[in-house]
Amino acid sequence: MDTRIQFRIDEETKRLAQLMAESQGRTLSDACRELTEGLAEEQRKSMTHDLWLTEQINAAFDKFDSGKSIFIEHDKAKAQMEARKNKIRNRDKP
């Protein structure tokens, strides 16, 4: 079911927005609809990412609580990360 969104803007803003939309071969309603759909899509992505992140955090805590976590000293972790970065940077080099 479609719904209607209404808002108020001054006449000059409406006129300029209509001119811009028309220059792009669309109506002001089309432009507003596309903006709204884009905002909704960004929100969907954000919610999906938030859900994924929550799942990752919960999995990490579950692993910790079960005693299956492995802890690495800071210097060793830093060296491993640097090695990974170098491998990625150099993967296309002969």
C-alpha atoms as a PDB file:
ATOM      1  CA  MET A   1       0.000   0.000   0.000  1.00  0.00           C
ATOM      2  CA  ASP A   2       1.388   3.366  -0.985  1.00  0.00           C
ATOM      3  CA  THR A   3       1.367   6.256   1.431  1.00  0.00           C
ATOM      4  CA  ARG A   4       1.484   9.990   0.927  1.00  0.00           C
ATOM      5  CA  ILE A   5       4.131  12.309   2.368  1.00  0.00           C
ATOM      6  CA  GLN A   6       3.408  16.029   2.577  1.00  0.00           C
ATOM      7  CA  PHE A   7       5.681  18.845   3.659  1.00  0.00           C
ATOM      8  CA  ARG A   8       5.877  22.591   3.210  1.00  0.00           C
ATOM      9  CA  ILE A   9       8.579  24.614   1.491  1.00  0.00           C
ATOM     10  CA  ASP A  10       8.656  28.154   0.191  1.00  0.00           C
ATOM     11  CA  GLU A  11       7.569  28.870  -3.382  1.00  0.00           C
ATOM     12  CA  GLU A  12      11.069  29.787  -4.620  1.00  0.00           C
ATOM     13  CA  THR A  13      12.560  26.535  -3.351  1.00  0.00           C
ATOM     14  CA  LYS A  14       9.737  24.582  -5.015  1.00  0.00           C
ATOM     15  CA  ARG A  15      10.156  26.472  -8.286  1.00  0.00           C
ATOM     16  CA  LEU A  16      13.922  25.898  -8.397  1.00  0.00           C
ATOM     17  CA  ALA A  17      13.561  22.236  -7.455  1.00  0.00           C
ATOM     18  CA  GLN A  18      10.956  21.729 -10.191  1.00  0.00           C
ATOM     19  CA  LEU A  19      13.252  23.353 -12.744  1.00  0.00           C
ATOM     20  CA  MET A  20      16.121  21.074 -11.741  1.00  0.00           C
ATOM     21  CA  ALA A  21      13.944  17.966 -11.800  1.00  0.00           C
ATOM     22  CA  GLU A  22      12.514  18.890 -15.202  1.00  0.00           C
ATOM     23  CA  SER A  23      16.009  19.474 -16.581  1.00  0.00           C
ATOM     24  CA  GLN A  24      16.726  15.852 -15.626  1.00  0.00           C
ATOM     25  CA  GLY A  25      13.565  14.591 -17.324  1.00  0.00           C
ATOM     26  CA  ARG A  26      11.638  13.852 -14.159  1.00  0.00           C
ATOM     27  CA  THR A  27       9.030  15.436 -11.934  1.00  0.00           C
ATOM     28  CA  LEU A  28       9.567  16.904  -8.501  1.00  0.00           C
ATOM     29  CA  SER A  29       7.474  14.038  -7.135  1.00  0.00           C
ATOM     30  CA  ASP A  30       9.822  11.562  -8.852  1.00  0.00           C
ATOM     31  CA  ALA A  31      12.842  13.280  -7.308  1.00  0.00           C
ATOM     32  CA  CYS A  32      11.282  13.303  -3.824  1.00  0.00           C
ATOM     33  CA  ARG A  33      10.270   9.645  -4.183  1.00  0.00           C
ATOM     34  CA  GLU A  34      13.792   8.666  -5.276  1.00  0.00           C
ATOM     35  CA  LEU A  35      15.319  10.571  -2.356  1.00  0.00           C
ATOM     36  CA  THR A  36      12.942   8.898   0.098  1.00  0.00           C
ATOM     37  CA  GLU A  37      13.602   5.445  -1.372  1.00  0.00           C
ATOM     38  CA  GLY A  38      17.350   6.101  -1.163  1.00  0.00           C
ATOM     39  CA  LEU A  39      17.080   7.112   2.480  1.00  0.00           C
ATOM     40  CA  ALA A  40      15.058   3.977   3.221  1.00  0.00           C
ATOM     41  CA  GLU A  41      17.660   1.800   1.485  1.00  0.00           C
ATOM     42  CA  GLU A  42      20.462   3.404   3.509  1.00  0.00           C
ATOM     43  CA  GLN A  43      18.487   2.669   6.682  1.00  0.00           C
ATOM     44  CA  ARG A  44      17.961  -0.960   5.606  1.00  0.00           C
ATOM     45  CA  LYS A  45      21.702  -1.349   5.062  1.00  0.00           C
ATOM     46  CA  SER A  46      22.457   0.253   8.421  1.00  0.00           C
ATOM     47  CA  MET A  47      20.010  -2.036  10.205  1.00  0.00           C
ATOM     48  CA  THR A  48      21.436  -5.093   8.432  1.00  0.00           C
ATOM     49  CA  HIS A  49      24.967  -4.081   9.394  1.00  0.00           C
ATOM     50  CA  ASP A  50      23.921  -3.428  12.999  1.00  0.00           C
ATOM     51  CA  LEU A  51      22.339  -6.892  13.165  1.00  0.00           C
ATOM     52  CA  TRP A  52      25.467  -8.516  11.686  1.00  0.00           C
ATOM     53  CA  LEU A  53      27.707  -6.618  14.127  1.00  0.00           C
ATOM     54  CA  THR A  54      25.545  -7.645  17.099  1.00  0.00           C
ATOM     55  CA  GLU A  55      25.778 -11.274  15.978  1.00  0.00           C
ATOM     56  CA  GLN A  56      29.572 -11.028  15.695  1.00  0.00           C
ATOM     57  CA  ILE A  57      29.886  -9.475  19.153  1.00  0.00           C
ATOM     58  CA  ASN A  58      27.607 -12.093  20.694  1.00  0.00           C
ATOM     59  CA  ALA A  59      29.609 -14.882  19.011  1.00  0.00           C
ATOM     60  CA  ALA A  60      32.827 -13.426  20.407  1.00  0.00           C
ATOM     61  CA  PHE A  61      31.387 -13.286  23.924  1.00  0.00           C
ATOM     62  CA  ASP A  62      30.054 -16.836  23.572  1.00  0.00           C
ATOM     63  CA  LYS A  63      33.529 -17.989  22.540  1.00  0.00           C
ATOM     64  CA  PHE A  64      35.043 -16.150  25.501  1.00  0.00           C
ATOM     65  CA  ASP A  65      32.467 -17.545  27.940  1.00  0.00           C
ATOM     66  CA  SER A  66      33.091 -21.101  26.702  1.00  0.00           C
ATOM     67  CA  GLY A  67      36.841 -20.732  27.248  1.00  0.00           C
ATOM     68  CA  LYS A  68      37.665 -21.166  23.556  1.00  0.00           C
ATOM     69  CA  SER A  69      39.229 -17.712  23.152  1.00  0.00           C
ATOM     70  CA  ILE A  70      42.895 -17.378  22.298  1.00  0.00           C
ATOM     71  CA  PHE A  71      44.664 -14.242  23.453  1.00  0.00           C
ATOM     72  CA  ILE A  72      47.699 -12.852  21.620  1.00  0.00           C
ATOM     73  CA  GLU A  73      50.154 -10.314  22.979  1.00  0.00           C
ATOM     74  CA  HIS A  74      49.837  -6.849  21.494  1.00  0.00           C
ATOM     75  CA  ASP A  75      53.220  -6.861  19.714  1.00  0.00           C
ATOM     76  CA  LYS A  76      52.567 -10.263  18.170  1.00  0.00           C
ATOM     77  CA  ALA A  77      49.065  -9.244  17.022  1.00  0.00           C
ATOM     78  CA  LYS A  78      50.472  -6.027  15.564  1.00  0.00           C
ATOM     79  CA  ALA A  79      53.155  -7.981  13.653  1.00  0.00           C
ATOM     80  CA  GLN A  80      50.565 -10.463  12.318  1.00  0.00           C
ATOM     81  CA  MET A  81      48.349  -7.615  11.130  1.00  0.00           C
ATOM     82  CA  GLU A  82      51.262  -5.893   9.417  1.00  0.00           C
ATOM     83  CA  ALA A  83      52.146  -9.159   7.649  1.00  0.00           C
ATOM     84  CA  ARG A  84      48.535  -9.472   6.446  1.00  0.00           C
ATOM     85  CA  LYS A  85      48.525  -5.904   5.155  1.00  0.00           C
ATOM     86  CA  ASN A  86      51.795  -6.478   3.284  1.00  0.00           C
ATOM     87  CA  LYS A  87      50.443  -9.668   1.742  1.00  0.00           C
ATOM     88  CA  ILE A  88      47.383  -7.777   0.491  1.00  0.00           C
ATOM     89  CA  ARG A  89      49.441  -4.844  -0.797  1.00  0.00           C
ATOM     90  CA  ASN A  90      51.811  -7.171  -2.663  1.00  0.00           C
ATOM     91  CA  ARG A  91      49.363  -9.747  -4.024  1.00  0.00           C
ATOM     92  CA  ASP A  92      49.372  -8.323  -7.565  1.00  0.00           C
ATOM     93  CA  LYS A  93      53.117  -7.757  -7.710  1.00  0.00           C
ATOM     94  CA  PRO A  94      55.244 -10.399  -9.482  1.00  0.00           C
END
